[in-house]
Amino acid sequence: MTEMEKMGTVVENTATTSSEKFTNNKAVLTYLAEKFPRCFILEGEAKPLKINIFQDLAARLADDSKVSKTQLRQVLRAYTTNWRYLHGCREGAERVDLDGNPCGVLDAEHVAFAAQQLAEAKAKVAEKRAAERKAAQAEKAAKRKVAPSKTKRTQSQHSKTRQNRQLPKLEVLSLEAISQLEKGSLVKVKAGEKVQQATVLETNKEGTVRVEFRNGLVMSVSADRLFA
């Protein structure tokens, strides 16, 4: 391919790219801000637009294949409901045309309508954020309820360990050993989680032993609670 042919190809590709339609409204708005910078403002407070500015916009871009009328309507609707635009629609503000020329002061009805739209939009956002915070708090509370905290689990484990350490290793008395117990013999009896020393008062054929604890309590205990 010659140098001239290469240059021709580059020009052709550039022309094709420049004529491609925009695929999203953000790109369309950026394009409008480039073509009409005194009308469409991307940063800061926006200026109120001329009434029926859509007709002017459609006429000025009639031969522009990159944007459609549908896109222009959508972009204008989004632009004029944006908070920046509604903030600018206050008492005494002047409308502008595509070239930024003044086209009359906003009337009281339009100022009130813009203020109402802005208040409603802010209320919706506040309501949504409050609902999100409430949902997040409920989810966090549910997780805390389902899973006990690490601290509580650790305390419970330590408590069980202490209980296990407190219980001495004892050997249960066999039935033969129990039958050989005499009155006055000392045995160890498991009472609840504790083991206490007691004195044998008498043994019964049923395998129970009547004992007296140091505090004077007398009771019959089964063989499985007697230790050497």
C-alpha atoms as a PDB file:
ATOM      1  CA  MET A   1       0.000   0.000   0.000  1.00  0.00           C
ATOM      2  CA  THR A   2       1.380   3.424  -0.996  1.00  0.00           C
ATOM      3  CA  GLU A   3       1.706   6.332   1.429  1.00  0.00           C
ATOM      4  CA  MET A   4      -1.202   8.135  -0.256  1.00  0.00           C
ATOM      5  CA  GLU A   5      -3.420   5.044   0.089  1.00  0.00           C
ATOM      6  CA  LYS A   6      -2.535   4.782   3.787  1.00  0.00           C
ATOM      7  CA  MET A   7      -3.474   8.432   4.353  1.00  0.00           C
ATOM      8  CA  GLY A   8      -6.754   7.880   2.524  1.00  0.00           C
ATOM      9  CA  THR A   9      -7.544   4.908   4.756  1.00  0.00           C
ATOM     10  CA  VAL A  10      -6.834   6.931   7.908  1.00  0.00           C
ATOM     11  CA  VAL A  11      -9.112   9.756   6.751  1.00  0.00           C
ATOM     12  CA  GLU A  12     -11.865   7.277   5.888  1.00  0.00           C
ATOM     13  CA  ASN A  13     -11.621   5.548   9.283  1.00  0.00           C
ATOM     14  CA  THR A  14     -11.702   8.893  11.094  1.00  0.00           C
ATOM     15  CA  ALA A  15     -14.796   9.947   9.198  1.00  0.00           C
ATOM     16  CA  THR A  16     -16.508   6.656   9.995  1.00  0.00           C
ATOM     17  CA  THR A  17     -15.679   6.962  13.701  1.00  0.00           C
ATOM     18  CA  SER A  18     -16.848  10.568  13.915  1.00  0.00           C
ATOM     19  CA  SER A  19     -20.211   9.668  12.369  1.00  0.00           C
ATOM     20  CA  GLU A  20     -20.947   6.759  14.728  1.00  0.00           C
ATOM     21  CA  LYS A  21     -24.022   7.182  16.930  1.00  0.00           C
ATOM     22  CA  PHE A  22     -23.606   7.651  20.660  1.00  0.00           C
ATOM     23  CA  THR A  23     -24.653   4.610  22.662  1.00  0.00           C
ATOM     24  CA  ASN A  24     -25.412   6.260  26.022  1.00  0.00           C
ATOM     25  CA  ASN A  25     -26.926   9.487  27.307  1.00  0.00           C
ATOM     26  CA  LYS A  26     -23.809  10.470  29.237  1.00  0.00           C
ATOM     27  CA  ALA A  27     -21.834  10.638  25.997  1.00  0.00           C
ATOM     28  CA  VAL A  28     -24.633  12.662  24.376  1.00  0.00           C
ATOM     29  CA  LEU A  29     -24.618  15.203  27.225  1.00  0.00           C
ATOM     30  CA  THR A  30     -20.827  15.535  27.002  1.00  0.00           C
ATOM     31  CA  TYR A  31     -21.200  16.143  23.266  1.00  0.00           C
ATOM     32  CA  LEU A  32     -23.876  18.815  23.836  1.00  0.00           C
ATOM     33  CA  ALA A  33     -21.669  20.529  26.421  1.00  0.00           C
ATOM     34  CA  GLU A  34     -18.855  20.639  23.860  1.00  0.00           C
ATOM     35  CA  LYS A  35     -21.079  22.078  21.110  1.00  0.00           C
ATOM     36  CA  PHE A  36     -23.069  24.455  23.353  1.00  0.00           C
ATOM     37  CA  PRO A  37     -20.782  25.217  26.340  1.00  0.00           C
ATOM     38  CA  ARG A  38     -22.677  28.385  27.331  1.00  0.00           C
ATOM     39  CA  CYS A  39     -25.913  26.401  27.618  1.00  0.00           C
ATOM     40  CA  PHE A  40     -25.103  22.925  28.966  1.00  0.00           C
ATOM     41  CA  ILE A  41     -22.889  22.862  32.058  1.00  0.00           C
ATOM     42  CA  LEU A  42     -21.384  19.615  33.334  1.00  0.00           C
ATOM     43  CA  GLU A  43     -19.930  20.881  36.631  1.00  0.00           C
ATOM     44  CA  GLY A  44     -21.295  23.341  39.148  1.00  0.00           C
ATOM     45  CA  GLU A  45     -24.711  24.958  39.139  1.00  0.00           C
ATOM     46  CA  ALA A  46     -26.592  24.647  35.842  1.00  0.00           C
ATOM     47  CA  LYS A  47     -28.519  27.465  34.180  1.00  0.00           C
ATOM     48  CA  PRO A  48     -32.280  27.235  33.501  1.00  0.00           C
ATOM     49  CA  LEU A  49     -32.917  26.445  29.828  1.00  0.00           C
ATOM     50  CA  LYS A  50     -35.062  28.316  27.362  1.00  0.00           C
ATOM     51  CA  ILE A  51     -38.668  27.080  27.127  1.00  0.00           C
ATOM     52  CA  ASN A  52     -39.083  24.657  24.200  1.00  0.00           C
ATOM     53  CA  ILE A  53     -35.325  24.479  23.712  1.00  0.00           C
ATOM     54  CA  PHE A  54     -35.779  20.982  22.297  1.00  0.00           C
ATOM     55  CA  GLN A  55     -37.020  22.437  18.992  1.00  0.00           C
ATOM     56  CA  ASP A  56     -33.916  24.644  18.733  1.00  0.00           C
ATOM     57  CA  LEU A  57     -31.673  21.709  19.596  1.00  0.00           C
ATOM     58  CA  ALA A  58     -33.318  19.394  17.056  1.00  0.00           C
ATOM     59  CA  ALA A  59     -32.991  22.059  14.339  1.00  0.00           C
ATOM     60  CA  ARG A  60     -29.309  22.762  15.081  1.00  0.00           C
ATOM     61  CA  LEU A  61     -28.475  19.040  15.081  1.00  0.00           C
ATOM     62  CA  ALA A  62     -30.764  18.017  12.228  1.00  0.00           C
ATOM     63  CA  ASP A  63     -27.814  16.949  10.055  1.00  0.00           C
ATOM     64  CA  ASP A  64     -25.871  15.378  12.912  1.00  0.00           C
ATOM     65  CA  SER A  65     -26.066  11.600  12.551  1.00  0.00           C
ATOM     66  CA  LYS A  66     -24.472  10.910  15.925  1.00  0.00           C
ATOM     67  CA  VAL A  67     -27.557  11.802  17.975  1.00  0.00           C
ATOM     68  CA  SER A  68     -31.251  11.058  17.547  1.00  0.00           C
ATOM     69  CA  LYS A  69     -34.265  13.067  18.667  1.00  0.00           C
ATOM     70  CA  THR A  70     -35.118  10.322  21.146  1.00  0.00           C
ATOM     71  CA  GLN A  71     -31.691  10.655  22.735  1.00  0.00           C
ATOM     72  CA  LEU A  72     -32.046  14.437  22.867  1.00  0.00           C
ATOM     73  CA  ARG A  73     -35.391  14.154  24.689  1.00  0.00           C
ATOM     74  CA  GLN A  74     -33.958  11.671  27.195  1.00  0.00           C
ATOM     75  CA  VAL A  75     -30.882  13.793  27.864  1.00  0.00           C
ATOM     76  CA  LEU A  76     -32.938  16.974  28.308  1.00  0.00           C
ATOM     77  CA  ARG A  77     -35.260  15.194  30.757  1.00  0.00           C
ATOM     78  CA  ALA A  78     -32.316  13.882  32.782  1.00  0.00           C
ATOM     79  CA  TYR A  79     -30.506  17.236  32.686  1.00  0.00           C
ATOM     80  CA  THR A  80     -33.509  19.279  33.837  1.00  0.00           C
ATOM     81  CA  THR A  81     -34.315  16.916  36.738  1.00  0.00           C
ATOM     82  CA  ASN A  82     -30.739  16.841  38.024  1.00  0.00           C
ATOM     83  CA  TRP A  83     -30.161  18.417  41.443  1.00  0.00           C
ATOM     84  CA  ARG A  84     -27.623  20.872  39.987  1.00  0.00           C
ATOM     85  CA  TYR A  85     -30.235  22.150  37.538  1.00  0.00           C
ATOM     86  CA  LEU A  86     -33.018  22.354  40.134  1.00  0.00           C
ATOM     87  CA  HIS A  87     -30.716  24.295  42.472  1.00  0.00           C
ATOM     88  CA  GLY A  88     -30.206  26.841  39.705  1.00  0.00           C
ATOM     89  CA  CYS A  89     -33.948  27.341  39.162  1.00  0.00           C
ATOM     90  CA  ARG A  90     -34.377  29.927  41.888  1.00  0.00           C
ATOM     91  CA  GLU A  91     -36.069  33.287  42.050  1.00  0.00           C
ATOM     92  CA  GLY A  92     -34.456  35.846  39.736  1.00  0.00           C
ATOM     93  CA  ALA A  93     -32.585  33.273  37.604  1.00  0.00           C
ATOM     94  CA  GLU A  94     -32.606  33.826  33.819  1.00  0.00           C
ATOM     95  CA  ARG A  95     -33.166  31.185  31.185  1.00  0.00           C
ATOM     96  CA  VAL A  96     -30.575  30.800  28.404  1.00  0.00           C
ATOM     97  CA  ASP A  97     -30.717  29.577  24.807  1.00  0.00           C
ATOM     98  CA  LEU A  98     -28.203  27.265  23.117  1.00  0.00           C
ATOM     99  CA  ASP A  99     -25.692  30.090  22.765  1.00  0.00           C
ATOM    100  CA  GLY A 100     -26.067  31.276  26.361  1.00  0.00           C
ATOM    101  CA  ASN A 101     -28.163  34.330  25.509  1.00  0.00           C
ATOM    102  CA  PRO A 102     -30.733  35.360  28.178  1.00  0.00           C
ATOM    103  CA  CYS A 103     -34.316  34.372  27.350  1.00  0.00           C
ATOM    104  CA  GLY A 104     -36.378  35.701  30.236  1.00  0.00           C
ATOM    105  CA  VAL A 105     -36.512  35.363  34.005  1.00  0.00           C
ATOM    106  CA  LEU A 106     -38.047  32.260  35.599  1.00  0.00           C
ATOM    107  CA  ASP A 107     -41.615  32.872  36.754  1.00  0.00           C
ATOM    108  CA  ALA A 108     -42.731  32.082  40.311  1.00  0.00           C
ATOM    109  CA  GLU A 109     -44.618  28.947  39.244  1.00  0.00           C
ATOM    110  CA  HIS A 110     -41.521  27.351  37.698  1.00  0.00           C
ATOM    111  CA  VAL A 111     -39.385  28.325  40.710  1.00  0.00           C
ATOM    112  CA  ALA A 112     -41.885  26.678  43.089  1.00  0.00           C
ATOM    113  CA  PHE A 113     -42.116  23.562  40.905  1.00  0.00           C
ATOM    114  CA  ALA A 114     -38.318  23.182  40.815  1.00  0.00           C
ATOM    115  CA  ALA A 115     -38.112  23.589  44.602  1.00  0.00           C
ATOM    116  CA  GLN A 116     -40.793  20.923  45.073  1.00  0.00           C
ATOM    117  CA  GLN A 117     -39.009  18.486  42.737  1.00  0.00           C
ATOM    118  CA  LEU A 118     -35.716  19.043  44.552  1.00  0.00           C
ATOM    119  CA  ALA A 119     -37.294  18.479  47.977  1.00  0.00           C
ATOM    120  CA  GLU A 120     -39.018  15.277  46.824  1.00  0.00           C
ATOM    121  CA  ALA A 121     -35.812  13.952  45.255  1.00  0.00           C
ATOM    122  CA  LYS A 122     -33.829  14.593  48.438  1.00  0.00           C
ATOM    123  CA  ALA A 123     -36.558  12.978  50.558  1.00  0.00           C
ATOM    124  CA  LYS A 124     -36.458   9.823  48.417  1.00  0.00           C
ATOM    125  CA  VAL A 125     -32.687   9.574  48.752  1.00  0.00           C
ATOM    126  CA  ALA A 126     -32.890  10.089  52.530  1.00  0.00           C
ATOM    127  CA  GLU A 127     -35.623   7.438  52.812  1.00  0.00           C
ATOM    128  CA  LYS A 128     -33.586   4.966  50.763  1.00  0.00           C
ATOM    129  CA  ARG A 129     -30.470   5.521  52.876  1.00  0.00           C
ATOM    130  CA  ALA A 130     -32.465   5.114  56.092  1.00  0.00           C
ATOM    131  CA  ALA A 131     -33.911   1.822  54.810  1.00  0.00           C
ATOM    132  CA  GLU A 132     -30.423   0.605  53.867  1.00  0.00           C
ATOM    133  CA  ARG A 133     -29.067   1.492  57.321  1.00  0.00           C
ATOM    134  CA  LYS A 134     -32.000  -0.278  59.002  1.00  0.00           C
ATOM    135  CA  ALA A 135     -31.482  -3.391  56.872  1.00  0.00           C
ATOM    136  CA  ALA A 136     -27.757  -3.409  57.646  1.00  0.00           C
ATOM    137  CA  GLN A 137     -28.432  -3.091  61.392  1.00  0.00           C
ATOM    138  CA  ALA A 138     -31.005  -5.911  61.258  1.00  0.00           C
ATOM    139  CA  GLU A 139     -28.560  -8.152  59.405  1.00  0.00           C
ATOM    140  CA  LYS A 140     -25.812  -7.404  61.928  1.00  0.00           C
ATOM    141  CA  ALA A 141     -28.185  -8.123  64.837  1.00  0.00           C
ATOM    142  CA  ALA A 142     -29.260 -11.416  63.243  1.00  0.00           C
ATOM    143  CA  LYS A 143     -25.635 -12.512  62.884  1.00  0.00           C
ATOM    144  CA  ARG A 144     -24.935 -11.680  66.530  1.00  0.00           C
ATOM    145  CA  LYS A 145     -28.007 -13.671  67.599  1.00  0.00           C
ATOM    146  CA  VAL A 146     -27.118 -16.760  65.553  1.00  0.00           C
ATOM    147  CA  ALA A 147     -23.443 -16.988  66.497  1.00  0.00           C
ATOM    148  CA  PRO A 148     -22.327 -16.375  70.101  1.00  0.00           C
ATOM    149  CA  SER A 149     -19.419 -14.028  70.473  1.00  0.00           C
ATOM    150  CA  LYS A 150     -15.881 -15.353  70.616  1.00  0.00           C
ATOM    151  CA  THR A 151     -15.523 -13.975  74.141  1.00  0.00           C
ATOM    152  CA  LYS A 152     -18.600 -15.860  75.385  1.00  0.00           C
ATOM    153  CA  ARG A 153     -17.428 -19.093  73.730  1.00  0.00           C
ATOM    154  CA  THR A 154     -13.991 -18.711  75.320  1.00  0.00           C
ATOM    155  CA  GLN A 155     -15.483 -18.031  78.758  1.00  0.00           C
ATOM    156  CA  SER A 156     -17.723 -21.086  78.436  1.00  0.00           C
ATOM    157  CA  GLN A 157     -14.774 -23.260  77.428  1.00  0.00           C
ATOM    158  CA  HIS A 158     -12.675 -21.960  80.332  1.00  0.00           C
ATOM    159  CA  SER A 159     -15.551 -22.610  82.739  1.00  0.00           C
ATOM    160  CA  LYS A 160     -15.855 -26.211  81.581  1.00  0.00           C
ATOM    161  CA  THR A 161     -12.090 -26.650  81.841  1.00  0.00           C
ATOM    162  CA  ARG A 162     -12.114 -25.349  85.422  1.00  0.00           C
ATOM    163  CA  GLN A 163     -14.967 -27.701  86.312  1.00  0.00           C
ATOM    164  CA  ASN A 164     -13.093 -30.644  84.840  1.00  0.00           C
ATOM    165  CA  ARG A 165      -9.961 -29.677  86.780  1.00  0.00           C
ATOM    166  CA  GLN A 166     -11.927 -29.379  90.028  1.00  0.00           C
ATOM    167  CA  LEU A 167     -13.246 -32.930  89.795  1.00  0.00           C
ATOM    168  CA  PRO A 168     -10.559 -35.318  91.094  1.00  0.00           C
ATOM    169  CA  LYS A 169      -9.954 -38.589  89.327  1.00  0.00           C
ATOM    170  CA  LEU A 170     -11.819 -41.156  91.423  1.00  0.00           C
ATOM    171  CA  GLU A 171     -12.402 -44.861  91.200  1.00  0.00           C
ATOM    172  CA  VAL A 172     -15.983 -46.055  91.610  1.00  0.00           C
ATOM    173  CA  LEU A 173     -16.389 -48.627  94.350  1.00  0.00           C
ATOM    174  CA  SER A 174     -17.219 -52.114  93.123  1.00  0.00           C
ATOM    175  CA  LEU A 175     -20.231 -53.957  94.510  1.00  0.00           C
ATOM    176  CA  GLU A 176     -17.849 -56.317  96.290  1.00  0.00           C
ATOM    177  CA  ALA A 177     -16.067 -53.394  97.954  1.00  0.00           C
ATOM    178  CA  ILE A 178     -19.396 -51.864  98.954  1.00  0.00           C
ATOM    179  CA  SER A 179     -20.536 -55.137 100.544  1.00  0.00           C
ATOM    180  CA  GLN A 180     -17.406 -55.109 102.702  1.00  0.00           C
ATOM    181  CA  LEU A 181     -18.021 -51.581 104.010  1.00  0.00           C
ATOM    182  CA  GLU A 182     -18.541 -51.396 107.734  1.00  0.00           C
ATOM    183  CA  LYS A 183     -20.288 -48.824 109.873  1.00  0.00           C
ATOM    184  CA  GLY A 184     -17.932 -45.921 110.422  1.00  0.00           C
ATOM    185  CA  SER A 185     -15.995 -46.451 107.176  1.00  0.00           C
ATOM    186  CA  LEU A 186     -15.098 -43.276 105.283  1.00  0.00           C
ATOM    187  CA  VAL A 187     -16.146 -42.995 101.637  1.00  0.00           C
ATOM    188  CA  LYS A 188     -16.327 -40.258  99.026  1.00  0.00           C
ATOM    189  CA  VAL A 189     -19.742 -39.384  97.623  1.00  0.00           C
ATOM    190  CA  LYS A 190     -20.451 -37.402  94.453  1.00  0.00           C
ATOM    191  CA  ALA A 191     -23.116 -34.800  95.223  1.00  0.00           C
ATOM    192  CA  GLY A 192     -23.933 -32.695  92.166  1.00  0.00           C
ATOM    193  CA  GLU A 193     -20.640 -31.427  90.713  1.00  0.00           C
ATOM    194  CA  LYS A 194     -18.734 -31.877  93.978  1.00  0.00           C
ATOM    195  CA  VAL A 195     -17.256 -34.857  95.803  1.00  0.00           C
ATOM    196  CA  GLN A 196     -17.662 -34.880  99.598  1.00  0.00           C
ATOM    197  CA  GLN A 197     -16.430 -37.200 102.289  1.00  0.00           C
ATOM    198  CA  ALA A 198     -19.041 -39.096 104.312  1.00  0.00           C
ATOM    199  CA  THR A 199     -19.271 -41.760 107.005  1.00  0.00           C
ATOM    200  CA  VAL A 200     -21.037 -45.069 106.331  1.00  0.00           C
ATOM    201  CA  LEU A 201     -23.990 -45.712 108.620  1.00  0.00           C
ATOM    202  CA  GLU A 202     -25.234 -48.924 107.001  1.00  0.00           C
ATOM    203  CA  THR A 203     -25.307 -50.846 103.710  1.00  0.00           C
ATOM    204  CA  ASN A 204     -28.450 -52.240 102.104  1.00  0.00           C
ATOM    205  CA  LYS A 205     -28.976 -55.302  99.954  1.00  0.00           C
ATOM    206  CA  GLU A 206     -30.362 -53.122  97.170  1.00  0.00           C
ATOM    207  CA  GLY A 207     -26.836 -51.766  96.625  1.00  0.00           C
ATOM    208  CA  THR A 208     -27.446 -48.432  98.323  1.00  0.00           C
ATOM    209  CA  VAL A 209     -25.457 -47.110 101.241  1.00  0.00           C
ATOM    210  CA  ARG A 210     -26.726 -44.876 104.012  1.00  0.00           C
ATOM    211  CA  VAL A 211     -24.146 -42.195 104.788  1.00  0.00           C
ATOM    212  CA  GLU A 212     -23.748 -39.114 106.946  1.00  0.00           C
ATOM    213  CA  PHE A 213     -21.942 -36.018 105.676  1.00  0.00           C
ATOM    214  CA  ARG A 214     -19.807 -33.755 107.836  1.00  0.00           C
ATOM    215  CA  ASN A 215     -22.608 -31.204 108.013  1.00  0.00           C
ATOM    216  CA  GLY A 216     -24.892 -33.809 109.600  1.00  0.00           C
ATOM    217  CA  LEU A 217     -26.946 -34.559 106.488  1.00  0.00           C
ATOM    218  CA  VAL A 218     -27.950 -38.220 106.246  1.00  0.00           C
ATOM    219  CA  MET A 219     -28.983 -39.797 102.950  1.00  0.00           C
ATOM    220  CA  SER A 220     -28.946 -43.006 100.955  1.00  0.00           C
ATOM    221  CA  VAL A 221     -26.761 -42.997  97.843  1.00  0.00           C
ATOM    222  CA  SER A 222     -26.502 -45.444  94.947  1.00  0.00           C
ATOM    223  CA  ALA A 223     -23.368 -47.436  94.224  1.00  0.00           C
ATOM    224  CA  ASP A 224     -22.414 -45.375  91.157  1.00  0.00           C
ATOM    225  CA  ARG A 225     -21.928 -42.304  93.382  1.00  0.00           C
ATOM    226  CA  LEU A 226     -19.529 -43.956  95.826  1.00  0.00           C
ATOM    227  CA  PHE A 227     -15.770 -43.660  95.370  1.00  0.00           C
ATOM    228  CA  ALA A 228     -12.750 -44.988  97.181  1.00  0.00           C
END
